[in-house]
Each structure stands twice: as C-alpha cells, then as structure tokens.
PDB file of N, CA and C in Angstrom:
ATOM      1  N   MET A   1       0.873  -1.246  -0.192  1.00  0.00           N
ATOM      2  CA  MET A   1      -0.032   0.052   0.002  1.00  0.00           C
ATOM      3  C   MET A   1       0.727   1.176  -0.154  1.00  0.00           C
ATOM      4  N   LYS A   2       1.765   1.228   0.225  1.00  0.00           N
ATOM      5  CA  LYS A   2       3.138   1.817   0.858  1.00  0.00           C
ATOM      6  C   LYS A   2       3.383   2.492  -0.362  1.00  0.00           C
ATOM      7  N   ALA A   3       3.697   1.696  -1.531  1.00  0.00           N
ATOM      8  CA  ALA A   3       4.024   1.929  -2.745  1.00  0.00           C
ATOM      9  C   ALA A   3       2.989   2.547  -3.388  1.00  0.00           C
ATOM     10  N   TYR A   4       1.950   2.344  -3.336  1.00  0.00           N
ATOM     11  CA  TYR A   4       1.003   2.872  -4.164  1.00  0.00           C
ATOM     12  C   TYR A   4       0.511   4.703  -3.606  1.00  0.00           C
ATOM     13  N   LEU A   5       0.859   4.799  -2.425  1.00  0.00           N
ATOM     14  CA  LEU A   5       0.649   6.224  -1.675  1.00  0.00           C
ATOM     15  C   LEU A   5       2.022   7.064  -2.321  1.00  0.00           C
ATOM     16  N   VAL A   6       3.124   6.524  -2.453  1.00  0.00           N
ATOM     17  CA  VAL A   6       4.408   7.548  -3.148  1.00  0.00           C
ATOM     18  C   VAL A   6       3.960   7.253  -4.597  1.00  0.00           C
ATOM     19  N   SER A   7       3.460   6.702  -4.993  1.00  0.00           N
ATOM     20  CA  SER A   7       3.431   6.717  -6.422  1.00  0.00           C
ATOM     21  C   SER A   7       2.780   7.961  -6.388  1.00  0.00           C
ATOM     22  N   LEU A   8       1.329   8.084  -6.104  1.00  0.00           N
ATOM     23  CA  LEU A   8       0.626   8.715  -6.056  1.00  0.00           C
ATOM     24  C   LEU A   8       1.272  10.250  -6.324  1.00  0.00           C
ATOM     25  N   ALA A   9       1.629  10.269  -4.992  1.00  0.00           N
ATOM     26  CA  ALA A   9       2.298  11.681  -4.524  1.00  0.00           C
ATOM     27  C   ALA A   9       3.097  12.303  -5.361  1.00  0.00           C
ATOM     28  N   VAL A  10       4.577  11.388  -5.801  1.00  0.00           N
ATOM     29  CA  VAL A  10       4.983  11.521  -6.729  1.00  0.00           C
ATOM     30  C   VAL A  10       4.420  12.208  -8.358  1.00  0.00           C
ATOM     31  N   GLY A  11       3.059  11.240  -8.008  1.00  0.00           N
ATOM     32  CA  GLY A  11       2.576  11.741  -9.675  1.00  0.00           C
ATOM     33  C   GLY A  11       2.124  12.990  -9.648  1.00  0.00           C
ATOM     34  N   VAL A  12       1.455  13.235  -8.255  1.00  0.00           N
ATOM     35  CA  VAL A  12       0.796  14.636  -7.843  1.00  0.00           C
ATOM     36  C   VAL A  12       2.097  15.435  -8.172  1.00  0.00           C
ATOM     37  N   VAL A  13       2.992  15.361  -7.495  1.00  0.00           N
ATOM     38  CA  VAL A  13       4.176  16.501  -7.784  1.00  0.00           C
ATOM     39  C   VAL A  13       4.488  17.142  -8.741  1.00  0.00           C
ATOM     40  N   VAL A  14       4.531  15.914 -10.167  1.00  0.00           N
ATOM     41  CA  VAL A  14       4.938  16.008 -11.447  1.00  0.00           C
ATOM     42  C   VAL A  14       3.815  16.700 -12.353  1.00  0.00           C
ATOM     43  N   GLY A  15       2.775  16.428 -11.981  1.00  0.00           N
ATOM     44  CA  GLY A  15       1.621  17.329 -12.332  1.00  0.00           C
ATOM     45  C   GLY A  15       1.747  18.420 -11.730  1.00  0.00           C
ATOM     46  N   LEU A  16       2.036  18.838 -10.824  1.00  0.00           N
ATOM     47  CA  LEU A  16       1.824  20.418 -10.681  1.00  0.00           C
ATOM     48  C   LEU A  16       2.955  20.882 -11.356  1.00  0.00           C
ATOM     49  N   LEU A  17       4.269  20.221 -11.543  1.00  0.00           N
ATOM     50  CA  LEU A  17       5.671  21.079 -12.010  1.00  0.00           C
ATOM     51  C   LEU A  17       4.844  21.248 -13.371  1.00  0.00           C
ATOM     52  N   TYR A  18       4.475  20.072 -14.007  1.00  0.00           N
ATOM     53  CA  TYR A  18       4.225  20.160 -15.474  1.00  0.00           C
ATOM     54  C   TYR A  18       3.346  21.883 -15.483  1.00  0.00           C
ATOM     55  N   ASN A  19       2.204  21.844 -14.318  1.00  0.00           N
ATOM     56  CA  ASN A  19       1.121  22.937 -14.519  1.00  0.00           C
ATOM     57  C   ASN A  19       2.177  24.001 -14.563  1.00  0.00           C
ATOM     58  N   VAL A  20       3.083  24.139 -13.555  1.00  0.00           N
ATOM     59  CA  VAL A  20       3.958  25.228 -13.200  1.00  0.00           C
ATOM     60  C   VAL A  20       4.419  25.913 -14.427  1.00  0.00           C
ATOM     61  N   VAL A  21       5.279  24.546 -14.876  1.00  0.00           N
ATOM     62  CA  VAL A  21       5.904  25.187 -16.184  1.00  0.00           C
ATOM     63  C   VAL A  21       5.357  25.175 -17.749  1.00  0.00           C
ATOM     64  N   ASP A  22       3.864  24.925 -17.276  1.00  0.00           N
ATOM     65  CA  ASP A  22       3.212  25.556 -18.144  1.00  0.00           C
ATOM     66  C   ASP A  22       3.488  23.856 -19.854  1.00  0.00           C
ATOM     67  N   VAL A  23       4.086  22.498 -19.312  1.00  0.00           N
ATOM     68  CA  VAL A  23       3.828  21.965 -20.299  1.00  0.00           C
ATOM     69  C   VAL A  23       2.908  20.873 -19.873  1.00  0.00           C
ATOM     70  N   LYS A  24       2.715  20.477 -21.482  1.00  0.00           N
ATOM     71  CA  LYS A  24       1.795  19.737 -21.651  1.00  0.00           C
ATOM     72  C   LYS A  24       2.237  17.816 -21.042  1.00  0.00           C
ATOM     73  N   SER A  25       1.444  17.307 -20.152  1.00  0.00           N
ATOM     74  CA  SER A  25       1.880  15.759 -19.896  1.00  0.00           C
ATOM     75  C   SER A  25       1.877  15.070 -20.792  1.00  0.00           C
ATOM     76  N   PRO A  26       2.987  14.159 -20.723  1.00  0.00           N
ATOM     77  CA  PRO A  26       2.833  12.889 -21.696  1.00  0.00           C
ATOM     78  C   PRO A  26       2.061  12.138 -21.511  1.00  0.00           C
ATOM     79  N   ALA A  27       1.345  12.278 -20.377  1.00  0.00           N
ATOM     80  CA  ALA A  27       0.239  10.661 -20.091  1.00  0.00           C
ATOM     81  C   ALA A  27      -0.341  10.761 -20.797  1.00  0.00           C
ATOM     82  N   PRO A  28      -1.310   9.371 -20.747  1.00  0.00           N
ATOM     83  CA  PRO A  28      -2.363   9.045 -21.748  1.00  0.00           C
ATOM     84  C   PRO A  28      -3.882   9.951 -21.181  1.00  0.00           C
ATOM     85  N   PRO A  29      -4.601   9.996 -22.547  1.00  0.00           N
ATOM     86  CA  PRO A  29      -5.809  10.855 -21.951  1.00  0.00           C
ATOM     87  C   PRO A  29      -6.638  10.336 -20.776  1.00  0.00           C
ATOM     88  N   THR A  30      -7.315  10.950 -20.230  1.00  0.00           N
ATOM     89  CA  THR A  30      -8.155  10.634 -18.990  1.00  0.00           C
ATOM     90  C   THR A  30      -8.978   9.482 -19.496  1.00  0.00           C
ATOM     91  N   ILE A  31      -9.957   9.340 -20.485  1.00  0.00           N
ATOM     92  CA  ILE A  31     -10.439   8.281 -20.916  1.00  0.00           C
ATOM     93  C   ILE A  31      -9.839   6.928 -20.830  1.00  0.00           C
ATOM     94  N   ALA A  32      -8.435   7.024 -21.536  1.00  0.00           N
ATOM     95  CA  ALA A  32      -7.646   5.741 -21.955  1.00  0.00           C
ATOM     96  C   ALA A  32      -7.188   5.080 -19.994  1.00  0.00           C
ATOM     97  N   LEU A  33      -7.147   6.153 -19.332  1.00  0.00           N
ATOM     98  CA  LEU A  33      -6.940   5.964 -17.652  1.00  0.00           C
ATOM     99  C   LEU A  33      -8.213   5.031 -17.011  1.00  0.00           C
ATOM    100  N   VAL A  34      -9.436   5.949 -17.131  1.00  0.00           N
ATOM    101  CA  VAL A  34     -10.484   5.345 -16.559  1.00  0.00           C
ATOM    102  C   VAL A  34     -10.335   4.223 -17.311  1.00  0.00           C
ATOM    103  N   GLY A  35     -10.168   3.677 -18.846  1.00  0.00           N
ATOM    104  CA  GLY A  35     -10.450   2.351 -19.601  1.00  0.00           C
ATOM    105  C   GLY A  35      -9.653   1.254 -18.581  1.00  0.00           C
ATOM    106  N   LEU A  36      -8.170   1.696 -18.130  1.00  0.00           N
ATOM    107  CA  LEU A  36      -7.196   0.910 -17.269  1.00  0.00           C
ATOM    108  C   LEU A  36      -7.920   0.467 -16.316  1.00  0.00           C
ATOM    109  N   LEU A  37      -8.391   1.241 -15.754  1.00  0.00           N
ATOM    110  CA  LEU A  37      -9.028   1.277 -14.192  1.00  0.00           C
ATOM    111  C   LEU A  37     -10.420  -0.124 -14.362  1.00  0.00           C
ATOM    112  N   GLY A  38     -11.014   0.540 -15.376  1.00  0.00           N
ATOM    113  CA  GLY A  38     -11.891  -0.790 -15.398  1.00  0.00           C
ATOM    114  C   GLY A  38     -11.331  -2.139 -15.596  1.00  0.00           C
ATOM    115  N   MET A  39     -10.369  -2.121 -16.187  1.00  0.00           N
ATOM    116  CA  MET A  39      -9.704  -3.172 -16.760  1.00  0.00           C
ATOM    117  C   MET A  39      -9.080  -4.086 -15.191  1.00  0.00           C
ATOM    118  N   LEU A  40      -8.500  -3.479 -14.135  1.00  0.00           N
ATOM    119  CA  LEU A  40      -8.238  -3.378 -13.117  1.00  0.00           C
ATOM    120  C   LEU A  40      -9.553  -3.979 -12.128  1.00  0.00           C
ATOM    121  N   ALA A  41     -10.203  -3.511 -12.208  1.00  0.00           N
ATOM    122  CA  ALA A  41     -11.648  -3.658 -11.429  1.00  0.00           C
ATOM    123  C   ALA A  41     -12.069  -4.801 -11.933  1.00  0.00           C
ATOM    124  N   GLY A  42     -12.092  -5.115 -13.284  1.00  0.00           N
ATOM    125  CA  GLY A  42     -12.886  -6.468 -13.837  1.00  0.00           C
ATOM    126  C   GLY A  42     -11.827  -8.002 -13.679  1.00  0.00           C
ATOM    127  N   GLU A  43     -10.524  -7.853 -13.443  1.00  0.00           N
ATOM    128  CA  GLU A  43      -9.374  -8.538 -13.296  1.00  0.00           C
ATOM    129  C   GLU A  43      -9.182  -9.132 -11.940  1.00  0.00           C
ATOM    130  N   ASN A  44      -9.528  -7.726 -10.925  1.00  0.00           N
ATOM    131  CA  ASN A  44      -9.575  -8.570  -9.426  1.00  0.00           C
ATOM    132  C   ASN A  44     -11.447  -8.565  -8.949  1.00  0.00           C
ATOM    133  N   ALA A  45     -12.341  -8.629  -9.729  1.00  0.00           N
ATOM    134  CA  ALA A  45     -13.926  -8.921  -9.093  1.00  0.00           C
ATOM    135  C   ALA A  45     -13.665  -9.734  -9.472  1.00  0.00           C
ATOM    136  N   ILE A  46     -13.652 -11.388  -9.660  1.00  0.00           N
ATOM    137  CA  ILE A  46     -13.934 -12.978  -9.348  1.00  0.00           C
ATOM    138  C   ILE A  46     -12.596 -13.162  -7.626  1.00  0.00           C
ATOM    139  N   PRO A  47     -11.809 -12.808  -8.232  1.00  0.00           N
ATOM    140  CA  PRO A  47     -11.052 -12.879  -6.615  1.00  0.00           C
ATOM    141  C   PRO A  47     -11.388 -12.375  -5.362  1.00  0.00           C
ATOM    142  N   PHE A  48     -12.388 -11.224  -5.708  1.00  0.00           N
ATOM    143  CA  PHE A  48     -12.614 -10.336  -4.447  1.00  0.00           C
ATOM    144  C   PHE A  48     -13.907 -10.967  -4.179  1.00  0.00           C
ATOM    145  N   ILE A  49     -14.964 -11.717  -4.785  1.00  0.00           N
ATOM    146  CA  ILE A  49     -15.925 -12.194  -4.584  1.00  0.00           C
ATOM    147  C   ILE A  49     -15.812 -13.435  -3.966  1.00  0.00           C
ATOM    148  N   ARG A  50     -14.830 -13.759  -4.510  1.00  0.00           N
ATOM    149  CA  ARG A  50     -14.727 -15.692  -4.102  1.00  0.00           C
ATOM    150  C   ARG A  50     -13.894 -15.057  -2.469  1.00  0.00           C
ATOM    151  N   HIS A  51     -13.400 -14.247  -2.521  1.00  0.00           N
ATOM    152  CA  HIS A  51     -12.957 -14.092  -1.083  1.00  0.00           C
ATOM    153  C   HIS A  51     -13.971 -13.901  -0.076  1.00  0.00           C
ATOM    154  N   CYS A  52     -15.201 -12.650  -0.208  1.00  0.00           N
ATOM    155  CA  CYS A  52     -16.483 -12.709   0.073  1.00  0.00           C
ATOM    156  C   CYS A  52     -17.065 -13.918   0.525  1.00  0.00           C
ATOM    157  N   ILE A  53     -17.241 -14.875  -0.486  1.00  0.00           N
ATOM    158  CA  ILE A  53     -18.241 -15.938   0.074  1.00  0.00           C
ATOM    159  C   ILE A  53     -17.280 -16.708   0.665  1.00  0.00           C
ATOM    160  N   ALA A  54     -15.946 -16.988   1.045  1.00  0.00           N
ATOM    161  CA  ALA A  54     -15.782 -17.673   1.799  1.00  0.00           C
ATOM    162  C   ALA A  54     -15.251 -17.049   3.322  1.00  0.00           C
ATOM    163  N   TYR A  55     -15.800 -15.800   3.331  1.00  0.00           N
ATOM    164  CA  TYR A  55     -15.313 -14.904   4.385  1.00  0.00           C
ATOM    165  C   TYR A  55     -16.887 -15.512   5.063  1.00  0.00           C
ATOM    166  N   PHE A  56     -18.174 -14.935   4.157  1.00  0.00           N
ATOM    167  CA  PHE A  56     -19.257 -14.725   5.079  1.00  0.00           C
ATOM    168  C   PHE A  56     -19.577 -16.296   5.105  1.00  0.00           C
ATOM    169  N   ALA A  57     -19.254 -17.470   4.321  1.00  0.00           N
ATOM    170  CA  ALA A  57     -19.722 -18.265   4.424  1.00  0.00           C
ATOM    171  C   ALA A  57     -19.125 -19.732   5.760  1.00  0.00           C
ATOM    172  N   SER A  58     -18.111 -19.045   5.838  1.00  0.00           N
ATOM    173  CA  SER A  58     -17.134 -19.890   7.651  1.00  0.00           C
ATOM    174  C   SER A  58     -17.711 -18.947   8.597  1.00  0.00           C
TER     175      SER A  58
END
C-alpha cells in the first residue's frame, strides 16, 4: 500500500510541476486511464467475490 501512496504523491508533484512550467503531460488521456481502471477492477472482481463468499460462508 505504501508504494501506491508514494507513486500517487510523486505523480501529483510532477503534475503540479508540469502545470507551473506550462508543459503538456505525456500521460495518456483521462479516458484511457479510466479504461485501465476498469480493466483492473474487472481483473480483481472474481477473486474479491470468492474471498467475500469464503469469509461469509465460514
């Protein structure tokens, strides 16, 4: 979890610097990032549901 928070913090700092310097970010468009988030959610949905079923069944 710590790695995710550090990654997010560094990304925010770099984004702020890009804005201050008035440079366009080389990151993909927001819609592509939303698609990637959906892919991650779908990939992790079945293991999460199995975990919940096992937890509540016991």
